Amino acid sequence: MISFIVQYTDKSTLERIFDGPIFQSEEEALLKKEELEEQGHLDVIIESDNDIQLDRE
């Protein structure tokens, strides 16, 4: 099963959050991405656990 991680830069601390919320569907992750962008967080992206595994190899 693929899971999706939402990563972003916190707007107040400018700290990169690599271990953000994890979702089982891309649709749920997209909704969270939109919510974080509306809150003003920066560089919000969605990574699948498959993408992360490929980056490590």
PDB file of N, CA and C in Angstrom:
ATOM      1  N   MET A   1       0.842  -1.177   0.000  1.00  0.00           N
ATOM      2  CA  MET A   1       0.000   0.000   0.000  1.00  0.00           C
ATOM      3  C   MET A   1       0.890   1.246   0.000  1.00  0.00           C
ATOM      4  N   ILE A   2       0.533   2.191  -0.816  1.00  0.00           N
ATOM      5  CA  ILE A   2       1.288   3.439  -0.908  1.00  0.00           C
ATOM      6  C   ILE A   2       0.698   4.447   0.069  1.00  0.00           C
ATOM      7  N   SER A   3       1.558   5.157   0.782  1.00  0.00           N
ATOM      8  CA  SER A   3       1.102   6.263   1.614  1.00  0.00           C
ATOM      9  C   SER A   3       1.742   7.546   1.113  1.00  0.00           C
ATOM     10  N   PHE A   4       1.117   8.651   1.465  1.00  0.00           N
ATOM     11  CA  PHE A   4       1.538   9.960   0.984  1.00  0.00           C
ATOM     12  C   PHE A   4       1.845  10.864   2.168  1.00  0.00           C
ATOM     13  N   ILE A   5       3.005  11.508   2.123  1.00  0.00           N
ATOM     14  CA  ILE A   5       3.465  12.388   3.194  1.00  0.00           C
ATOM     15  C   ILE A   5       3.423  13.822   2.683  1.00  0.00           C
ATOM     16  N   VAL A   6       2.840  14.709   3.484  1.00  0.00           N
ATOM     17  CA  VAL A   6       2.801  16.124   3.132  1.00  0.00           C
ATOM     18  C   VAL A   6       3.968  16.806   3.840  1.00  0.00           C
ATOM     19  N   GLN A   7       4.857  17.398   3.060  1.00  0.00           N
ATOM     20  CA  GLN A   7       6.017  18.107   3.601  1.00  0.00           C
ATOM     21  C   GLN A   7       5.841  19.594   3.315  1.00  0.00           C
ATOM     22  N   TYR A   8       6.338  20.429   4.234  1.00  0.00           N
ATOM     23  CA  TYR A   8       6.175  21.871   4.065  1.00  0.00           C
ATOM     24  C   TYR A   8       7.175  22.628   4.924  1.00  0.00           C
ATOM     25  N   THR A   9       7.265  23.928   4.679  1.00  0.00           N
ATOM     26  CA  THR A   9       8.069  24.816   5.511  1.00  0.00           C
ATOM     27  C   THR A   9       7.109  25.617   6.383  1.00  0.00           C
ATOM     28  N   ASP A  10       7.294  25.530   7.697  1.00  0.00           N
ATOM     29  CA  ASP A  10       6.428  26.233   8.641  1.00  0.00           C
ATOM     30  C   ASP A  10       6.569  27.737   8.452  1.00  0.00           C
ATOM     31  N   LYS A  11       5.446  28.440   8.356  1.00  0.00           N
ATOM     32  CA  LYS A  11       5.479  29.872   8.055  1.00  0.00           C
ATOM     33  C   LYS A  11       6.058  30.712   9.189  1.00  0.00           C
ATOM     34  N   SER A  12       5.922  30.280  10.432  1.00  0.00           N
ATOM     35  CA  SER A  12       6.404  31.105  11.538  1.00  0.00           C
ATOM     36  C   SER A  12       7.857  30.826  11.905  1.00  0.00           C
ATOM     37  N   THR A  13       8.279  29.569  11.816  1.00  0.00           N
ATOM     38  CA  THR A  13       9.649  29.227  12.209  1.00  0.00           C
ATOM     39  C   THR A  13      10.580  29.054  11.018  1.00  0.00           C
ATOM     40  N   LEU A  14       9.999  28.937   9.812  1.00  0.00           N
ATOM     41  CA  LEU A  14      10.735  28.651   8.574  1.00  0.00           C
ATOM     42  C   LEU A  14      11.499  27.327   8.660  1.00  0.00           C
ATOM     43  N   GLU A  15      11.027  26.445   9.539  1.00  0.00           N
ATOM     44  CA  GLU A  15      11.612  25.106   9.672  1.00  0.00           C
ATOM     45  C   GLU A  15      10.942  24.166   8.675  1.00  0.00           C
ATOM     46  N   ARG A  16      11.741  23.353   8.002  1.00  0.00           N
ATOM     47  CA  ARG A  16      11.212  22.384   7.039  1.00  0.00           C
ATOM     48  C   ARG A  16      10.668  21.178   7.796  1.00  0.00           C
ATOM     49  N   ILE A  17       9.420  20.827   7.533  1.00  0.00           N
ATOM     50  CA  ILE A  17       8.768  19.690   8.172  1.00  0.00           C
ATOM     51  C   ILE A  17       8.770  18.533   7.176  1.00  0.00           C
ATOM     52  N   PHE A  18       9.686  17.589   7.383  1.00  0.00           N
ATOM     53  CA  PHE A  18       9.814  16.448   6.478  1.00  0.00           C
ATOM     54  C   PHE A  18       8.897  15.297   6.875  1.00  0.00           C
ATOM     55  N   ASP A  19       8.542  15.224   8.152  1.00  0.00           N
ATOM     56  CA  ASP A  19       7.709  14.124   8.640  1.00  0.00           C
ATOM     57  C   ASP A  19       6.311  14.623   8.964  1.00  0.00           C
ATOM     58  N   GLY A  20       5.731  15.300   7.976  1.00  0.00           N
ATOM     59  CA  GLY A  20       4.391  15.851   8.143  1.00  0.00           C
ATOM     60  C   GLY A  20       3.325  14.769   8.161  1.00  0.00           C
ATOM     61  N   PRO A  21       2.074  15.181   8.030  1.00  0.00           N
ATOM     62  CA  PRO A  21       0.969  14.224   8.072  1.00  0.00           C
ATOM     63  C   PRO A  21       1.097  13.144   6.990  1.00  0.00           C
ATOM     64  N   ILE A  22       0.681  11.933   7.317  1.00  0.00           N
ATOM     65  CA  ILE A  22       0.727  10.800   6.389  1.00  0.00           C
ATOM     66  C   ILE A  22      -0.706  10.353   6.097  1.00  0.00           C
ATOM     67  N   PHE A  23      -0.985  10.134   4.816  1.00  0.00           N
ATOM     68  CA  PHE A  23      -2.325   9.741   4.384  1.00  0.00           C
ATOM     69  C   PHE A  23      -2.256   8.494   3.519  1.00  0.00           C
ATOM     70  N   GLN A  24      -3.340   7.732   3.514  1.00  0.00           N
ATOM     71  CA  GLN A  24      -3.417   6.507   2.723  1.00  0.00           C
ATOM     72  C   GLN A  24      -3.860   6.765   1.289  1.00  0.00           C
ATOM     73  N   SER A  25      -4.440   7.949   1.023  1.00  0.00           N
ATOM     74  CA  SER A  25      -4.866   8.256  -0.345  1.00  0.00           C
ATOM     75  C   SER A  25      -4.303   9.606  -0.773  1.00  0.00           C
ATOM     76  N   GLU A  26      -4.082   9.719  -2.065  1.00  0.00           N
ATOM     77  CA  GLU A  26      -3.563  10.973  -2.609  1.00  0.00           C
ATOM     78  C   GLU A  26      -4.592  12.093  -2.466  1.00  0.00           C
ATOM     79  N   GLU A  27      -5.876  11.768  -2.535  1.00  0.00           N
ATOM     80  CA  GLU A  27      -6.930  12.770  -2.395  1.00  0.00           C
ATOM     81  C   GLU A  27      -6.886  13.426  -1.017  1.00  0.00           C
ATOM     82  N   GLU A  28      -6.716  12.609   0.029  1.00  0.00           N
ATOM     83  CA  GLU A  28      -6.618  13.150   1.388  1.00  0.00           C
ATOM     84  C   GLU A  28      -5.388  14.043   1.520  1.00  0.00           C
ATOM     85  N   ALA A  29      -4.287  13.616   0.931  1.00  0.00           N
ATOM     86  CA  ALA A  29      -3.053  14.400   0.983  1.00  0.00           C
ATOM     87  C   ALA A  29      -3.229  15.730   0.258  1.00  0.00           C
ATOM     88  N   LEU A  30      -3.930  15.726  -0.875  1.00  0.00           N
ATOM     89  CA  LEU A  30      -4.174  16.968  -1.612  1.00  0.00           C
ATOM     90  C   LEU A  30      -5.017  17.944  -0.799  1.00  0.00           C
ATOM     91  N   LEU A  31      -6.010  17.429  -0.075  1.00  0.00           N
ATOM     92  CA  LEU A  31      -6.832  18.292   0.776  1.00  0.00           C
ATOM     93  C   LEU A  31      -5.984  18.931   1.875  1.00  0.00           C
ATOM     94  N   LYS A  32      -5.104  18.146   2.489  1.00  0.00           N
ATOM     95  CA  LYS A  32      -4.227  18.682   3.539  1.00  0.00           C
ATOM     96  C   LYS A  32      -3.256  19.692   2.956  1.00  0.00           C
ATOM     97  N   LYS A  33      -2.748  19.428   1.757  1.00  0.00           N
ATOM     98  CA  LYS A  33      -1.838  20.356   1.078  1.00  0.00           C
ATOM     99  C   LYS A  33      -2.527  21.701   0.883  1.00  0.00           C
ATOM    100  N   GLU A  34      -3.763  21.673   0.388  1.00  0.00           N
ATOM    101  CA  GLU A  34      -4.517  22.910   0.187  1.00  0.00           C
ATOM    102  C   GLU A  34      -4.738  23.640   1.508  1.00  0.00           C
ATOM    103  N   GLU A  35      -5.058  22.894   2.563  1.00  0.00           N
ATOM    104  CA  GLU A  35      -5.281  23.489   3.884  1.00  0.00           C
ATOM    105  C   GLU A  35      -4.012  24.186   4.391  1.00  0.00           C
ATOM    106  N   LEU A  36      -2.866  23.523   4.257  1.00  0.00           N
ATOM    107  CA  LEU A  36      -1.605  24.105   4.712  1.00  0.00           C
ATOM    108  C   LEU A  36      -1.246  25.345   3.898  1.00  0.00           C
ATOM    109  N   GLU A  37      -1.506  25.315   2.591  1.00  0.00           N
ATOM    110  CA  GLU A  37      -1.233  26.485   1.751  1.00  0.00           C
ATOM    111  C   GLU A  37      -2.129  27.653   2.146  1.00  0.00           C
ATOM    112  N   GLU A  38      -3.397  27.377   2.456  1.00  0.00           N
ATOM    113  CA  GLU A  38      -4.318  28.428   2.900  1.00  0.00           C
ATOM    114  C   GLU A  38      -3.867  29.031   4.222  1.00  0.00           C
ATOM    115  N   GLN A  39      -3.222  28.230   5.065  1.00  0.00           N
ATOM    116  CA  GLN A  39      -2.712  28.715   6.347  1.00  0.00           C
ATOM    117  C   GLN A  39      -1.432  29.527   6.171  1.00  0.00           C
ATOM    118  N   GLY A  40      -0.886  29.544   4.952  1.00  0.00           N
ATOM    119  CA  GLY A  40       0.288  30.352   4.668  1.00  0.00           C
ATOM    120  C   GLY A  40       1.618  29.629   4.749  1.00  0.00           C
ATOM    121  N   HIS A  41       1.593  28.312   4.916  1.00  0.00           N
ATOM    122  CA  HIS A  41       2.848  27.565   4.958  1.00  0.00           C
ATOM    123  C   HIS A  41       3.477  27.544   3.569  1.00  0.00           C
ATOM    124  N   LEU A  42       4.787  27.385   3.514  1.00  0.00           N
ATOM    125  CA  LEU A  42       5.545  27.517   2.276  1.00  0.00           C
ATOM    126  C   LEU A  42       5.976  26.165   1.728  1.00  0.00           C
ATOM    127  N   ASP A  43       6.218  26.125   0.418  1.00  0.00           N
ATOM    128  CA  ASP A  43       6.798  24.944  -0.252  1.00  0.00           C
ATOM    129  C   ASP A  43       6.105  23.638   0.136  1.00  0.00           C
ATOM    130  N   VAL A  44       4.785  23.627   0.085  1.00  0.00           N
ATOM    131  CA  VAL A  44       4.023  22.438   0.458  1.00  0.00           C
ATOM    132  C   VAL A  44       4.060  21.446  -0.704  1.00  0.00           C
ATOM    133  N   ILE A  45       4.525  20.230  -0.429  1.00  0.00           N
ATOM    134  CA  ILE A  45       4.590  19.192  -1.460  1.00  0.00           C
ATOM    135  C   ILE A  45       4.061  17.877  -0.904  1.00  0.00           C
ATOM    136  N   ILE A  46       3.718  16.982  -1.817  1.00  0.00           N
ATOM    137  CA  ILE A  46       3.290  15.636  -1.444  1.00  0.00           C
ATOM    138  C   ILE A  46       4.318  14.659  -1.987  1.00  0.00           C
ATOM    139  N   GLU A  47       4.800  13.783  -1.122  1.00  0.00           N
ATOM    140  CA  GLU A  47       5.744  12.728  -1.509  1.00  0.00           C
ATOM    141  C   GLU A  47       5.097  11.388  -1.192  1.00  0.00           C
ATOM    142  N   SER A  48       5.200  10.452  -2.104  1.00  0.00           N
ATOM    143  CA  SER A  48       4.737   9.096  -1.779  1.00  0.00           C
ATOM    144  C   SER A  48       5.891   8.353  -1.119  1.00  0.00           C
ATOM    145  N   ASP A  49       5.558   7.342  -0.342  1.00  0.00           N
ATOM    146  CA  ASP A  49       6.634   6.574   0.289  1.00  0.00           C
ATOM    147  C   ASP A  49       7.496   5.886  -0.764  1.00  0.00           C
ATOM    148  N   ASN A  50       6.949   5.609  -1.937  1.00  0.00           N
ATOM    149  CA  ASN A  50       7.748   5.048  -3.035  1.00  0.00           C
ATOM    150  C   ASN A  50       8.796   6.048  -3.509  1.00  0.00           C
ATOM    151  N   ASP A  51       8.407   7.331  -3.641  1.00  0.00           N
ATOM    152  CA  ASP A  51       9.350   8.375  -4.061  1.00  0.00           C
ATOM    153  C   ASP A  51      10.489   8.506  -3.060  1.00  0.00           C
ATOM    154  N   ILE A  52      10.155   8.457  -1.790  1.00  0.00           N
ATOM    155  CA  ILE A  52      11.164   8.606  -0.739  1.00  0.00           C
ATOM    156  C   ILE A  52      12.130   7.428  -0.777  1.00  0.00           C
ATOM    157  N   GLN A  53      11.602   6.228  -0.975  1.00  0.00           N
ATOM    158  CA  GLN A  53      12.459   5.040  -1.045  1.00  0.00           C
ATOM    159  C   GLN A  53      13.407   5.137  -2.237  1.00  0.00           C
ATOM    160  N   LEU A  54      12.925   5.598  -3.385  1.00  0.00           N
ATOM    161  CA  LEU A  54      13.775   5.746  -4.569  1.00  0.00           C
ATOM    162  C   LEU A  54      14.874   6.773  -4.337  1.00  0.00           C
ATOM    163  N   ASP A  55      14.558   7.860  -3.614  1.00  0.00           N
ATOM    164  CA  ASP A  55      15.560   8.884  -3.319  1.00  0.00           C
ATOM    165  C   ASP A  55      16.692   8.324  -2.465  1.00  0.00           C
ATOM    166  N   ARG A  56      16.389   7.367  -1.609  1.00  0.00           N
ATOM    167  CA  ARG A  56      17.398   6.797  -0.712  1.00  0.00           C
ATOM    168  C   ARG A  56      18.325   5.825  -1.425  1.00  0.00           C
ATOM    169  N   GLU A  57      17.860   5.264  -2.534  1.00  0.00           N
ATOM    170  CA  GLU A  57      18.664   4.244  -3.231  1.00  0.00           C
ATOM    171  C   GLU A  57      19.738   4.844  -4.088  1.00  0.00           C
TER     172      GLU A  57
END
